[in-house]
Every structure is written in structure tokens, then in C-alpha cells.
N, C-alpha and C. Protein backbone atom coordinates (compact mmCIF):
# COMPACT_ATOMS: atom_id res chain seq x y z
N MET A 1 37.31 -13.61 8.34
CA MET A 1 36.63 -14.77 8.93
C MET A 1 35.10 -14.55 8.54
N ARG A 2 34.61 -15.54 7.86
CA ARG A 2 33.24 -15.47 7.46
C ARG A 2 32.29 -15.63 8.60
N GLN A 3 31.33 -14.66 8.61
CA GLN A 3 30.27 -14.83 9.69
C GLN A 3 28.88 -14.54 8.97
N VAL A 4 27.91 -15.32 9.34
CA VAL A 4 26.50 -15.12 9.01
C VAL A 4 25.75 -14.88 10.27
N LEU A 5 25.13 -13.69 10.43
CA LEU A 5 24.53 -13.29 11.72
C LEU A 5 23.07 -13.98 11.71
N LEU A 6 22.73 -14.56 12.80
CA LEU A 6 21.50 -15.37 12.81
C LEU A 6 20.46 -14.80 13.76
N PHE A 7 20.57 -13.65 14.30
CA PHE A 7 19.54 -13.14 15.16
C PHE A 7 19.51 -11.69 15.02
N LEU A 8 18.36 -11.07 15.47
CA LEU A 8 18.20 -9.60 15.45
C LEU A 8 17.66 -9.17 16.77
N VAL A 9 18.45 -8.25 17.41
CA VAL A 9 18.13 -7.72 18.68
C VAL A 9 16.95 -6.70 18.55
N CYS A 10 15.89 -6.90 19.30
CA CYS A 10 14.70 -6.09 19.15
C CYS A 10 14.83 -4.94 20.27
N ILE A 11 14.25 -3.78 19.94
CA ILE A 11 14.17 -2.71 20.96
C ILE A 11 12.70 -2.36 21.17
N ALA A 12 12.40 -1.95 22.32
CA ALA A 12 10.90 -1.80 22.60
C ALA A 12 10.61 -0.28 22.38
N ILE A 13 10.38 0.07 21.15
CA ILE A 13 9.93 1.34 20.89
C ILE A 13 8.38 1.30 20.56
N PRO A 14 7.52 2.07 21.24
CA PRO A 14 6.13 1.90 21.06
C PRO A 14 5.73 2.39 19.68
N LEU A 15 4.83 1.61 19.02
CA LEU A 15 4.25 1.97 17.78
C LEU A 15 2.85 1.95 17.84
N SER A 16 2.19 2.64 16.83
CA SER A 16 0.70 2.78 16.89
C SER A 16 0.06 1.32 16.72
N ALA A 17 -0.85 0.96 17.66
CA ALA A 17 -1.50 -0.27 17.52
C ALA A 17 -2.46 -0.29 16.24
N GLN A 18 -2.67 0.75 15.63
CA GLN A 18 -3.48 0.70 14.42
C GLN A 18 -2.65 0.61 13.11
N GLU A 19 -1.32 0.59 13.28
CA GLU A 19 -0.49 0.49 12.10
C GLU A 19 -0.68 -0.84 11.34
N VAL A 20 -0.91 -0.67 10.05
CA VAL A 20 -1.14 -1.87 9.20
C VAL A 20 -0.19 -1.81 8.05
N LEU A 21 0.45 -2.98 7.64
CA LEU A 21 1.29 -3.09 6.60
C LEU A 21 0.38 -3.47 5.37
N ARG A 22 0.66 -2.90 4.26
CA ARG A 22 -0.18 -3.08 3.01
C ARG A 22 0.73 -3.18 1.83
N GLY A 23 0.32 -4.11 0.88
CA GLY A 23 1.05 -4.14 -0.36
C GLY A 23 0.26 -4.91 -1.42
N GLU A 24 0.71 -4.67 -2.65
CA GLU A 24 0.02 -5.30 -3.81
C GLU A 24 0.96 -6.25 -4.50
N VAL A 25 0.46 -7.41 -4.96
CA VAL A 25 1.17 -8.39 -5.72
C VAL A 25 0.53 -8.61 -7.04
N LYS A 26 1.33 -8.65 -8.07
CA LYS A 26 0.85 -8.90 -9.43
C LYS A 26 1.24 -10.30 -9.92
N ILE A 27 0.39 -11.03 -10.32
CA ILE A 27 0.69 -12.47 -10.82
C ILE A 27 0.23 -12.59 -12.29
N GLU A 28 1.00 -12.98 -13.19
CA GLU A 28 0.68 -13.27 -14.62
C GLU A 28 0.13 -14.68 -14.66
N LEU A 29 -0.99 -14.79 -15.21
CA LEU A 29 -1.65 -16.13 -15.25
C LEU A 29 -0.84 -17.06 -16.27
N GLU A 30 -0.24 -16.46 -17.27
CA GLU A 30 0.67 -17.17 -18.17
C GLU A 30 2.02 -17.26 -17.64
N GLN A 31 2.27 -18.24 -16.79
CA GLN A 31 3.57 -18.43 -16.07
C GLN A 31 4.66 -18.86 -17.08
N ILE A 32 5.82 -18.15 -17.10
CA ILE A 32 6.88 -18.47 -17.91
C ILE A 32 7.70 -19.55 -17.27
N ARG A 33 7.91 -20.58 -18.06
CA ARG A 33 8.63 -21.74 -17.55
C ARG A 33 10.06 -21.90 -17.90
N GLY A 34 10.46 -21.31 -19.02
CA GLY A 34 11.81 -21.50 -19.56
C GLY A 34 12.44 -20.18 -20.09
N PHE A 35 13.46 -20.34 -20.78
CA PHE A 35 14.17 -19.06 -21.23
C PHE A 35 13.38 -18.40 -22.36
N LEU A 36 12.57 -19.20 -23.05
CA LEU A 36 11.76 -18.62 -24.11
C LEU A 36 10.41 -18.18 -23.65
N VAL A 37 10.01 -17.03 -24.08
CA VAL A 37 8.63 -16.47 -23.67
C VAL A 37 7.57 -17.44 -24.08
N GLU A 38 7.82 -18.20 -25.20
CA GLU A 38 6.77 -19.04 -25.69
C GLU A 38 6.46 -20.23 -24.76
N GLU A 39 7.35 -20.54 -23.87
CA GLU A 39 7.23 -21.72 -22.95
C GLU A 39 6.43 -21.23 -21.77
N THR A 40 5.12 -21.36 -21.80
CA THR A 40 4.20 -20.91 -20.67
C THR A 40 3.31 -21.95 -20.28
N ARG A 41 2.71 -21.77 -19.08
CA ARG A 41 1.64 -22.58 -18.55
C ARG A 41 0.71 -21.79 -17.87
N ALA A 42 -0.59 -21.79 -18.26
CA ALA A 42 -1.59 -21.02 -17.63
C ALA A 42 -1.99 -21.49 -16.25
N LEU A 43 -2.05 -20.61 -15.31
CA LEU A 43 -2.44 -20.84 -14.01
C LEU A 43 -4.03 -20.68 -13.87
N SER A 44 -4.60 -21.50 -13.08
CA SER A 44 -6.06 -21.27 -12.85
C SER A 44 -6.14 -20.00 -11.92
N PRO A 45 -7.32 -19.45 -11.79
CA PRO A 45 -7.54 -18.29 -10.89
C PRO A 45 -7.23 -18.64 -9.46
N ALA A 46 -7.53 -19.85 -9.03
CA ALA A 46 -7.17 -20.30 -7.67
C ALA A 46 -5.71 -20.41 -7.46
N GLU A 47 -4.97 -21.01 -8.45
CA GLU A 47 -3.53 -21.08 -8.33
C GLU A 47 -2.92 -19.70 -8.25
N ALA A 48 -3.41 -18.79 -9.17
CA ALA A 48 -2.86 -17.46 -9.19
C ALA A 48 -3.05 -16.74 -7.86
N ARG A 49 -4.24 -16.92 -7.34
CA ARG A 49 -4.54 -16.24 -6.05
C ARG A 49 -3.58 -16.76 -4.93
N MET A 50 -3.40 -18.18 -4.87
CA MET A 50 -2.49 -18.67 -3.89
C MET A 50 -1.11 -18.21 -4.07
N ALA A 51 -0.63 -18.24 -5.33
CA ALA A 51 0.75 -17.68 -5.62
C ALA A 51 0.96 -16.25 -5.13
N ALA A 52 -0.11 -15.40 -5.39
CA ALA A 52 -0.01 -14.01 -4.96
C ALA A 52 -0.03 -13.95 -3.44
N LEU A 53 -0.83 -14.72 -2.72
CA LEU A 53 -0.87 -14.72 -1.26
C LEU A 53 0.46 -15.19 -0.69
N GLU A 54 1.02 -16.15 -1.31
CA GLU A 54 2.39 -16.68 -0.86
C GLU A 54 3.41 -15.52 -0.96
N GLU A 55 3.39 -14.81 -2.12
CA GLU A 55 4.33 -13.68 -2.34
C GLU A 55 4.11 -12.68 -1.25
N ALA A 56 2.80 -12.35 -1.05
CA ALA A 56 2.52 -11.25 -0.01
C ALA A 56 3.11 -11.68 1.35
N ALA A 57 2.88 -12.91 1.74
CA ALA A 57 3.37 -13.34 2.99
C ALA A 57 4.85 -13.30 3.06
N ARG A 58 5.45 -13.65 1.99
CA ARG A 58 6.94 -13.59 1.94
C ARG A 58 7.45 -12.23 2.08
N TYR A 59 6.84 -11.23 1.55
CA TYR A 59 7.24 -9.81 1.54
C TYR A 59 7.01 -9.19 2.96
N PHE A 60 5.86 -9.47 3.47
CA PHE A 60 5.53 -9.00 4.89
C PHE A 60 6.56 -9.58 5.86
N GLY A 61 7.01 -10.77 5.71
CA GLY A 61 7.95 -11.38 6.56
C GLY A 61 9.38 -10.68 6.34
N ALA A 62 9.64 -10.29 5.04
CA ALA A 62 10.93 -9.68 4.73
C ALA A 62 10.88 -8.17 5.34
N MET A 63 9.68 -7.60 5.41
CA MET A 63 9.54 -6.28 6.03
C MET A 63 9.68 -6.24 7.54
N ILE A 64 9.18 -7.35 8.11
CA ILE A 64 9.11 -7.28 9.65
C ILE A 64 10.45 -7.89 10.12
N TYR A 65 10.80 -9.11 9.68
CA TYR A 65 12.05 -9.84 10.14
C TYR A 65 13.26 -9.58 9.42
N GLY A 66 13.22 -9.50 8.05
CA GLY A 66 14.33 -9.31 7.25
C GLY A 66 15.26 -10.55 7.26
N TRP A 67 16.47 -10.22 6.79
CA TRP A 67 17.48 -11.30 6.71
C TRP A 67 18.79 -10.86 7.40
N SER A 68 19.58 -11.78 7.89
CA SER A 68 20.97 -11.45 8.07
C SER A 68 21.79 -11.71 6.80
N PHE A 69 22.76 -10.99 6.54
CA PHE A 69 23.52 -11.15 5.27
C PHE A 69 24.99 -11.22 5.48
N TYR A 70 25.62 -11.92 4.59
CA TYR A 70 27.06 -12.00 4.47
C TYR A 70 27.39 -11.68 2.97
N TYR A 71 28.22 -10.70 2.78
CA TYR A 71 28.48 -10.20 1.40
C TYR A 71 29.92 -10.13 1.09
N GLU A 72 30.37 -10.89 0.15
CA GLU A 72 31.73 -10.80 -0.38
C GLU A 72 31.65 -9.84 -1.56
N VAL A 73 32.29 -8.67 -1.37
CA VAL A 73 32.05 -7.56 -2.38
C VAL A 73 32.67 -7.95 -3.72
N GLY A 74 33.72 -8.73 -3.70
CA GLY A 74 34.34 -9.16 -4.99
C GLY A 74 35.21 -8.11 -5.58
N GLU A 75 36.21 -8.61 -6.36
CA GLU A 75 37.09 -7.70 -7.08
C GLU A 75 37.71 -8.51 -8.28
N ARG A 76 37.45 -8.02 -9.42
CA ARG A 76 37.90 -8.76 -10.59
C ARG A 76 39.38 -8.77 -10.65
N ALA A 77 40.12 -7.74 -10.24
CA ALA A 77 41.60 -7.73 -10.44
C ALA A 77 42.21 -8.77 -9.44
N ARG A 78 41.50 -9.14 -8.36
CA ARG A 78 42.01 -10.20 -7.42
C ARG A 78 41.38 -11.50 -7.65
N ASN A 79 40.59 -11.64 -8.74
CA ASN A 79 39.90 -12.79 -8.97
C ASN A 79 39.02 -13.29 -7.90
N ILE A 80 38.29 -12.34 -7.20
CA ILE A 80 37.42 -12.61 -6.10
C ILE A 80 35.94 -12.40 -6.64
N GLU A 81 35.16 -13.51 -6.53
CA GLU A 81 33.82 -13.46 -7.05
C GLU A 81 32.91 -12.80 -6.08
N GLU A 82 31.93 -11.86 -6.56
CA GLU A 82 30.94 -11.15 -5.77
C GLU A 82 29.95 -12.23 -5.34
N LYS A 83 29.55 -12.16 -4.01
CA LYS A 83 28.63 -13.26 -3.49
C LYS A 83 27.85 -12.68 -2.36
N LEU A 84 26.49 -12.98 -2.33
CA LEU A 84 25.65 -12.58 -1.25
C LEU A 84 24.96 -13.80 -0.70
N GLU A 85 24.93 -13.98 0.62
CA GLU A 85 24.17 -14.90 1.27
C GLU A 85 23.18 -14.26 2.21
N LEU A 86 21.92 -14.67 2.08
CA LEU A 86 20.83 -14.11 2.93
C LEU A 86 20.21 -15.25 3.76
N VAL A 87 20.07 -14.91 5.08
CA VAL A 87 19.39 -15.98 5.96
C VAL A 87 18.16 -15.28 6.55
N PRO A 88 16.99 -15.80 6.25
CA PRO A 88 15.76 -15.25 6.80
C PRO A 88 15.77 -15.33 8.34
N LEU A 89 15.33 -14.22 8.91
CA LEU A 89 15.24 -14.15 10.41
C LEU A 89 13.79 -14.48 10.93
N GLY A 90 12.89 -14.67 10.02
CA GLY A 90 11.57 -15.07 10.39
C GLY A 90 10.67 -15.09 9.13
N THR A 91 9.63 -15.86 9.22
CA THR A 91 8.65 -15.99 8.04
C THR A 91 7.27 -15.80 8.56
N ILE A 92 6.38 -15.56 7.61
CA ILE A 92 4.89 -15.40 7.90
C ILE A 92 4.20 -16.45 7.05
N SER A 93 3.28 -17.14 7.67
CA SER A 93 2.53 -18.19 7.00
C SER A 93 1.31 -17.62 6.27
N THR A 94 0.90 -18.25 5.17
CA THR A 94 -0.31 -17.79 4.42
C THR A 94 -1.55 -18.02 5.35
N ASN A 95 -1.36 -18.84 6.41
CA ASN A 95 -2.50 -19.13 7.34
C ASN A 95 -2.48 -18.25 8.51
N ASP A 96 -1.65 -17.29 8.62
CA ASP A 96 -1.54 -16.37 9.71
C ASP A 96 -2.79 -15.57 9.74
N PRO A 97 -3.55 -15.58 10.89
CA PRO A 97 -4.85 -14.79 10.90
C PRO A 97 -4.71 -13.28 10.84
N ARG A 98 -3.46 -12.81 11.00
CA ARG A 98 -3.24 -11.33 10.86
C ARG A 98 -3.03 -10.96 9.38
N LEU A 99 -2.88 -11.98 8.47
CA LEU A 99 -2.71 -11.78 7.08
C LEU A 99 -4.15 -11.75 6.42
N GLU A 100 -4.49 -10.67 5.68
CA GLU A 100 -5.83 -10.59 5.11
C GLU A 100 -5.74 -10.08 3.71
N THR A 101 -6.46 -10.73 2.84
CA THR A 101 -6.62 -10.33 1.42
C THR A 101 -7.67 -9.27 1.40
N THR A 102 -7.45 -8.04 0.95
CA THR A 102 -8.35 -6.99 0.92
C THR A 102 -9.05 -6.77 -0.45
N ASP A 103 -8.36 -7.14 -1.53
CA ASP A 103 -8.98 -6.96 -2.86
C ASP A 103 -8.15 -7.83 -3.77
N VAL A 104 -9.01 -8.46 -4.70
CA VAL A 104 -8.49 -9.34 -5.80
C VAL A 104 -9.15 -8.98 -7.11
N GLN A 105 -8.34 -8.64 -8.05
CA GLN A 105 -8.93 -8.18 -9.38
C GLN A 105 -8.16 -8.93 -10.54
N PHE A 106 -9.00 -9.37 -11.54
CA PHE A 106 -8.37 -9.93 -12.71
C PHE A 106 -8.51 -8.83 -13.83
N ASN A 107 -7.29 -8.55 -14.42
CA ASN A 107 -7.32 -7.59 -15.56
C ASN A 107 -6.72 -8.35 -16.74
N GLY A 108 -7.53 -8.92 -17.55
CA GLY A 108 -6.98 -9.78 -18.61
C GLY A 108 -6.25 -10.97 -18.08
N PRO A 109 -4.94 -11.20 -18.51
CA PRO A 109 -4.19 -12.36 -17.96
C PRO A 109 -3.36 -12.03 -16.66
N ILE A 110 -3.75 -10.94 -16.00
CA ILE A 110 -3.01 -10.56 -14.77
C ILE A 110 -3.89 -10.44 -13.64
N LEU A 111 -3.47 -11.06 -12.49
CA LEU A 111 -4.24 -10.93 -11.23
C LEU A 111 -3.55 -9.90 -10.37
N TYR A 112 -4.28 -8.96 -9.79
CA TYR A 112 -3.82 -8.00 -8.79
C TYR A 112 -4.42 -8.30 -7.45
N LEU A 113 -3.55 -8.58 -6.46
CA LEU A 113 -4.06 -8.83 -5.11
C LEU A 113 -3.45 -7.92 -4.14
N TRP A 114 -4.32 -7.24 -3.39
CA TRP A 114 -3.91 -6.34 -2.29
C TRP A 114 -4.09 -7.12 -0.96
N ALA A 115 -3.08 -7.02 -0.11
CA ALA A 115 -3.06 -7.75 1.17
C ALA A 115 -2.65 -6.86 2.31
N ASP A 116 -3.25 -7.00 3.56
CA ASP A 116 -2.82 -6.29 4.66
C ASP A 116 -2.32 -7.22 5.74
N TYR A 117 -1.46 -6.78 6.55
CA TYR A 117 -0.93 -7.53 7.68
C TYR A 117 -0.91 -6.65 8.85
N ARG A 118 -1.47 -7.13 9.99
CA ARG A 118 -1.56 -6.44 11.24
C ARG A 118 -0.57 -7.07 12.21
N PRO A 119 0.63 -6.46 12.41
CA PRO A 119 1.68 -7.02 13.26
C PRO A 119 1.16 -7.02 14.71
N GLU A 120 1.71 -8.05 15.43
CA GLU A 120 1.53 -8.13 16.83
C GLU A 120 2.65 -7.33 17.51
N THR A 121 2.66 -7.29 18.86
CA THR A 121 3.50 -6.33 19.63
C THR A 121 4.91 -6.64 19.34
N THR A 122 5.43 -7.89 19.43
CA THR A 122 6.79 -8.18 19.21
C THR A 122 7.21 -7.87 17.82
N GLN A 123 6.33 -8.02 16.84
CA GLN A 123 6.65 -7.68 15.46
C GLN A 123 6.75 -6.17 15.31
N TYR A 124 5.95 -5.37 16.01
CA TYR A 124 6.13 -3.91 16.04
C TYR A 124 7.41 -3.55 16.44
N HIS A 125 7.91 -4.19 17.51
CA HIS A 125 9.27 -3.84 18.07
C HIS A 125 10.35 -4.22 17.05
N ARG A 126 10.22 -5.25 16.27
CA ARG A 126 11.17 -5.51 15.21
C ARG A 126 11.19 -4.49 14.13
N MET A 127 9.94 -4.01 13.81
CA MET A 127 9.77 -2.97 12.73
C MET A 127 10.41 -1.70 13.27
N ALA A 128 10.35 -1.37 14.56
CA ALA A 128 10.95 -0.16 15.04
C ALA A 128 12.45 -0.19 14.90
N LYS A 129 13.08 -1.42 15.14
CA LYS A 129 14.52 -1.57 14.93
C LYS A 129 14.86 -1.19 13.56
N TRP A 130 14.15 -1.47 12.50
CA TRP A 130 14.46 -1.15 11.14
C TRP A 130 14.42 0.34 10.83
N LYS A 131 13.87 1.14 11.82
CA LYS A 131 13.73 2.56 11.59
C LYS A 131 14.58 3.35 12.50
N ALA A 132 15.49 2.75 13.23
CA ALA A 132 16.22 3.39 14.22
C ALA A 132 17.82 3.19 14.03
N GLY A 133 18.57 3.90 14.84
CA GLY A 133 20.00 3.66 14.94
C GLY A 133 20.72 3.88 13.64
N SER A 134 21.56 2.89 13.24
CA SER A 134 22.43 3.01 12.10
C SER A 134 21.83 2.43 10.81
N VAL A 135 20.55 2.15 10.87
CA VAL A 135 19.97 1.57 9.65
C VAL A 135 19.84 2.66 8.62
N ARG A 136 20.15 2.32 7.35
CA ARG A 136 20.08 3.23 6.22
C ARG A 136 19.23 2.61 5.13
N THR A 137 18.65 3.45 4.25
CA THR A 137 17.78 2.91 3.15
C THR A 137 18.56 3.09 1.86
N ALA A 138 18.19 2.20 0.95
CA ALA A 138 18.72 2.23 -0.38
C ALA A 138 17.84 1.52 -1.43
N GLN A 139 17.87 1.98 -2.64
CA GLN A 139 17.18 1.36 -3.69
C GLN A 139 18.09 0.29 -4.36
N GLY A 140 17.45 -0.82 -4.77
CA GLY A 140 18.23 -1.84 -5.43
C GLY A 140 17.56 -2.34 -6.65
N TYR A 141 18.25 -2.65 -7.68
CA TYR A 141 17.66 -3.28 -8.92
C TYR A 141 18.42 -4.49 -9.26
N GLY A 142 17.68 -5.65 -9.42
CA GLY A 142 18.29 -6.84 -9.68
C GLY A 142 17.69 -7.66 -10.80
N LEU A 143 18.46 -8.63 -11.37
CA LEU A 143 18.02 -9.47 -12.46
C LEU A 143 18.18 -10.95 -12.08
N SER A 144 17.30 -11.75 -12.69
CA SER A 144 17.45 -13.17 -12.53
C SER A 144 16.83 -13.86 -13.80
N SER A 145 17.09 -15.12 -13.92
CA SER A 145 16.59 -15.95 -15.05
C SER A 145 14.95 -16.09 -14.80
N LEU A 146 14.37 -16.47 -15.82
CA LEU A 146 12.92 -16.67 -15.78
C LEU A 146 12.42 -17.77 -14.85
N GLU A 147 13.39 -18.75 -14.55
CA GLU A 147 13.02 -19.88 -13.76
C GLU A 147 12.92 -19.46 -12.23
N ASN A 148 13.52 -18.32 -11.87
CA ASN A 148 13.58 -18.01 -10.41
C ASN A 148 13.30 -16.54 -10.25
N LYS A 149 12.02 -16.20 -10.15
CA LYS A 149 11.67 -14.73 -10.00
C LYS A 149 12.21 -14.13 -8.72
N TYR A 150 12.26 -14.92 -7.63
CA TYR A 150 12.72 -14.40 -6.35
C TYR A 150 14.13 -14.13 -6.28
N ALA A 151 14.96 -14.74 -7.18
CA ALA A 151 16.38 -14.47 -7.26
C ALA A 151 16.70 -13.01 -7.67
N ALA A 152 15.70 -12.43 -8.38
CA ALA A 152 15.88 -11.06 -8.86
C ALA A 152 15.77 -10.06 -7.65
N LEU A 153 14.96 -10.38 -6.69
CA LEU A 153 14.85 -9.59 -5.44
C LEU A 153 16.12 -9.76 -4.64
N GLU A 154 16.68 -10.92 -4.52
CA GLU A 154 17.94 -11.12 -3.85
C GLU A 154 19.09 -10.35 -4.50
N ASP A 155 19.09 -10.29 -5.84
CA ASP A 155 20.10 -9.58 -6.53
C ASP A 155 19.91 -8.01 -6.27
N ALA A 156 18.58 -7.59 -6.12
CA ALA A 156 18.28 -6.20 -5.82
C ALA A 156 18.83 -5.85 -4.46
N ALA A 157 18.67 -6.77 -3.49
CA ALA A 157 19.21 -6.60 -2.14
C ALA A 157 20.70 -6.42 -2.20
N ARG A 158 21.45 -7.21 -3.00
CA ARG A 158 22.87 -7.07 -3.19
C ARG A 158 23.23 -5.68 -3.74
N ALA A 159 22.45 -5.24 -4.70
CA ALA A 159 22.72 -3.93 -5.26
C ALA A 159 22.51 -2.80 -4.20
N ALA A 160 21.55 -2.97 -3.37
CA ALA A 160 21.28 -1.95 -2.35
C ALA A 160 22.40 -1.93 -1.28
N ILE A 161 22.93 -3.06 -0.93
CA ILE A 161 24.06 -3.12 0.00
C ILE A 161 25.26 -2.50 -0.59
N ARG A 162 25.50 -2.83 -1.82
CA ARG A 162 26.65 -2.29 -2.58
C ARG A 162 26.50 -0.75 -2.66
N ALA A 163 25.37 -0.23 -2.97
CA ALA A 163 25.19 1.20 -3.13
C ALA A 163 25.53 1.90 -1.75
N ILE A 164 25.14 1.35 -0.67
CA ILE A 164 25.40 1.91 0.66
C ILE A 164 26.89 1.98 0.89
N LEU A 165 27.60 0.91 0.59
CA LEU A 165 29.01 0.82 0.71
C LEU A 165 29.68 1.87 -0.13
N GLN A 166 29.23 1.96 -1.36
CA GLN A 166 29.92 2.91 -2.23
C GLN A 166 29.80 4.35 -1.70
N GLY A 167 28.66 4.63 -0.91
CA GLY A 167 28.46 5.95 -0.50
C GLY A 167 29.15 6.20 0.85
N SER A 168 29.66 5.12 1.53
CA SER A 168 30.19 5.35 2.89
C SER A 168 31.61 4.91 3.01
N GLU A 169 32.11 4.06 2.16
CA GLU A 169 33.50 3.48 2.29
C GLU A 169 34.40 4.07 1.21
N ARG A 170 35.48 4.59 1.62
CA ARG A 170 36.49 5.17 0.67
C ARG A 170 37.13 4.06 -0.12
N ASN A 171 37.46 2.96 0.55
CA ASN A 171 38.11 1.84 -0.13
C ASN A 171 37.08 0.61 -0.11
N ARG A 172 37.11 -0.10 -1.20
CA ARG A 172 36.28 -1.23 -1.30
C ARG A 172 36.64 -2.31 -0.27
N PRO A 173 35.70 -2.75 0.58
CA PRO A 173 36.03 -3.79 1.59
C PRO A 173 35.99 -5.13 0.95
N LYS A 174 36.46 -6.11 1.70
CA LYS A 174 36.44 -7.48 1.17
C LYS A 174 35.14 -8.18 1.57
N GLU A 175 34.76 -8.10 2.87
CA GLU A 175 33.57 -8.72 3.35
C GLU A 175 32.77 -7.80 4.24
N VAL A 176 31.45 -7.99 4.17
CA VAL A 176 30.56 -7.22 4.98
C VAL A 176 29.42 -8.09 5.51
N SER A 177 29.00 -7.86 6.70
CA SER A 177 27.92 -8.59 7.33
C SER A 177 26.94 -7.67 8.01
N GLY A 178 25.75 -8.06 8.15
CA GLY A 178 24.75 -7.21 8.80
C GLY A 178 23.32 -7.73 8.55
N TYR A 179 22.40 -6.83 8.61
CA TYR A 179 20.96 -7.08 8.44
C TYR A 179 20.40 -6.26 7.36
N ILE A 180 19.41 -6.84 6.70
CA ILE A 180 18.66 -6.08 5.64
C ILE A 180 17.20 -6.49 5.57
N SER A 181 16.30 -5.52 5.33
CA SER A 181 14.86 -5.78 5.26
C SER A 181 14.30 -5.08 4.07
N LEU A 182 13.13 -5.45 3.65
CA LEU A 182 12.31 -4.71 2.70
C LEU A 182 11.66 -3.52 3.33
N ALA A 183 11.63 -2.43 2.65
CA ALA A 183 10.91 -1.25 3.19
C ALA A 183 9.43 -1.21 2.60
N ALA A 184 9.29 -1.89 1.47
CA ALA A 184 7.95 -1.92 0.89
C ALA A 184 7.99 -3.15 -0.14
N PHE A 185 6.85 -3.53 -0.60
CA PHE A 185 6.79 -4.50 -1.58
C PHE A 185 7.55 -4.15 -2.87
N PRO A 186 8.34 -5.12 -3.43
CA PRO A 186 9.12 -4.82 -4.64
C PRO A 186 8.21 -4.80 -5.86
N GLN A 187 8.79 -4.27 -6.94
CA GLN A 187 8.13 -4.28 -8.25
C GLN A 187 8.89 -5.13 -9.21
N TYR A 188 8.24 -5.94 -10.00
CA TYR A 188 8.81 -6.82 -11.01
C TYR A 188 8.40 -6.39 -12.45
N ARG A 189 9.32 -6.75 -13.36
CA ARG A 189 8.91 -6.64 -14.74
C ARG A 189 9.88 -7.56 -15.54
N LEU A 190 9.53 -7.80 -16.84
CA LEU A 190 10.34 -8.58 -17.71
C LEU A 190 11.37 -7.62 -18.35
N ASP A 191 12.65 -8.02 -18.37
CA ASP A 191 13.63 -7.18 -19.02
C ASP A 191 14.60 -7.99 -19.91
N ARG A 192 14.23 -8.00 -21.18
CA ARG A 192 15.09 -8.76 -22.15
C ARG A 192 15.22 -10.19 -21.79
N GLY A 193 14.19 -10.81 -21.57
CA GLY A 193 14.23 -12.28 -21.23
C GLY A 193 14.63 -12.67 -19.81
N GLN A 194 14.65 -11.69 -18.94
CA GLN A 194 14.98 -11.92 -17.53
C GLN A 194 13.93 -11.27 -16.62
N TRP A 195 13.78 -11.74 -15.41
CA TRP A 195 13.05 -11.06 -14.40
C TRP A 195 13.96 -9.88 -13.89
N ALA A 196 13.24 -8.75 -13.72
CA ALA A 196 13.95 -7.57 -13.11
C ALA A 196 13.11 -7.18 -11.84
N ALA A 197 13.75 -6.94 -10.72
CA ALA A 197 13.11 -6.55 -9.55
C ALA A 197 13.65 -5.17 -9.05
N SER A 198 12.76 -4.35 -8.65
CA SER A 198 13.20 -3.07 -8.02
C SER A 198 12.64 -2.95 -6.61
N GLY A 199 13.46 -2.76 -5.62
CA GLY A 199 13.03 -2.76 -4.28
C GLY A 199 13.76 -1.69 -3.43
N ARG A 200 13.05 -1.21 -2.42
CA ARG A 200 13.69 -0.28 -1.44
C ARG A 200 13.94 -1.11 -0.15
N PHE A 201 15.22 -0.98 0.35
CA PHE A 201 15.71 -1.79 1.42
C PHE A 201 16.15 -1.00 2.63
N ARG A 202 16.05 -1.59 3.84
CA ARG A 202 16.67 -0.96 4.97
C ARG A 202 17.89 -1.94 5.38
N VAL A 203 19.03 -1.17 5.53
CA VAL A 203 20.28 -1.97 5.78
C VAL A 203 20.99 -1.53 6.96
N GLU A 204 21.44 -2.49 7.80
CA GLU A 204 22.31 -2.13 8.96
C GLU A 204 23.58 -2.96 8.82
N ILE A 205 24.62 -2.26 8.62
CA ILE A 205 25.95 -2.96 8.48
C ILE A 205 26.59 -3.12 9.85
N ILE A 206 26.89 -4.35 10.26
CA ILE A 206 27.48 -4.62 11.56
C ILE A 206 28.98 -4.75 11.53
N GLU A 207 29.54 -5.43 10.51
CA GLU A 207 30.97 -5.65 10.48
C GLU A 207 31.45 -5.51 9.04
N ILE A 208 32.61 -4.83 8.93
CA ILE A 208 33.33 -4.72 7.60
C ILE A 208 34.70 -5.26 7.71
N GLN A 209 35.14 -6.09 6.81
CA GLN A 209 36.51 -6.60 6.73
C GLN A 209 37.22 -5.99 5.52
N PRO A 210 38.15 -5.01 5.83
CA PRO A 210 38.87 -4.51 4.60
C PRO A 210 39.91 -5.52 4.04
N PHE A 211 40.29 -5.32 2.83
CA PHE A 211 41.32 -6.14 2.22
C PHE A 211 42.66 -6.11 2.96
N ALA A 212 42.94 -4.97 3.62
CA ALA A 212 44.22 -4.83 4.29
C ALA A 212 44.42 -5.88 5.45
N THR A 213 43.35 -6.53 5.97
CA THR A 213 43.52 -7.42 7.05
C THR A 213 43.91 -8.81 6.53
N TYR A 214 43.97 -9.03 5.24
CA TYR A 214 44.31 -10.33 4.64
C TYR A 214 45.73 -10.35 4.16
């Protein structure tokens, strides 16, 4: 039975009030618009800075709140397609006063933006949940088309969940649900005409449905 989990239970573990989340975002001013590298549109410095700030806010949100996930592991022999659904558990706005740009540099056609985020008390408690109990960490590497850079991060999340299952489950399950968050900002690069994302994730598996139940 398909389930998508829509909430995350927080636990009150005290964290340092001085703890600050920090990350760097890289934006290429020559934005790729199509499958061909030649199809580009140059961003203005202001557009690039806003795009970088939006990415930073998205990643801070993914580090603090994360997503609930439903994952169909898939199996070619049974003609079952692999599929991952992610539901954000919270977001951070670019107007959030706790979000701060600390450094912006242009190096040729690339903008580098460093940003800080100072979580409030309830957000600290959510972060504590990601570091306790049955939460495990895994690296993931994902790919996507040039039209959707963020899809590469979602594919990396799928790879991280799959890596954890391969390390803990003797038999391949049919469906898995739980929670996943970013442990740090992801890294992107171009790989043979695709976006490639590498990220470290924290994963908590809540329910596993084996093939034997069907």
C-alpha cells in the first residue's frame, strides 16, 4: 500500500545557540537552456545573485526540514519501474531574516555566493532529529537533463536511499518510505551533456514492503 509521509516528529535535544549553517552556491552566468551547450542565455549579475540565493535557501530548507519519501525500488525482471517521490517538509524564503549572504565573488563567467543561516529553536530541534536514532548517512550521485538542474539532486537522493538499502537488506524490497535530508550543500558539474549532482544525505527508513507481501 503506497504511503507518503507528510510530517516529521521533532525531539527536543539542546543544540548550541551559536550553531550556524553555511554553504556555497556556484552559478554560471551563461545559463544552458537546451540539450546543446551552444544554447545559452547570459544572466545579469543581479539575476545570478538571486538565483544563487534561491538555491541557498532551498538547500538550507532541505538540511533543516528535509523531505518525506516514497520509493519504488523497481525490478527489471518483474517489469517494475524505479520511482522516487519527495515531499518537502518545510521551506525557507529568500526573505527570511536568518538567511544572510556573507560573500559574493565573480570569477569570469561564474558567481560564487556564500550564505549563512541561523536556525531558530524549533529548527534546531528538527536538525537534532536528523542526527539521532536510526538516521543513517549516505552519498548519492545523480544525473538530469540540462533543463532541470534540481532533478539531478533528486536523483542523487534516490541513489543514496538505494545505497543504504543495499547495505542493510538481504533481499531487494518492493517499496520503502521514510525521511531524507541534505547533510551539506550539494556539488554540481556538467557530465556529457547532463547535470550531475553529488550530495551527502541523512536517511531514516520508516517502512519497508518486501515483494513477498504481494
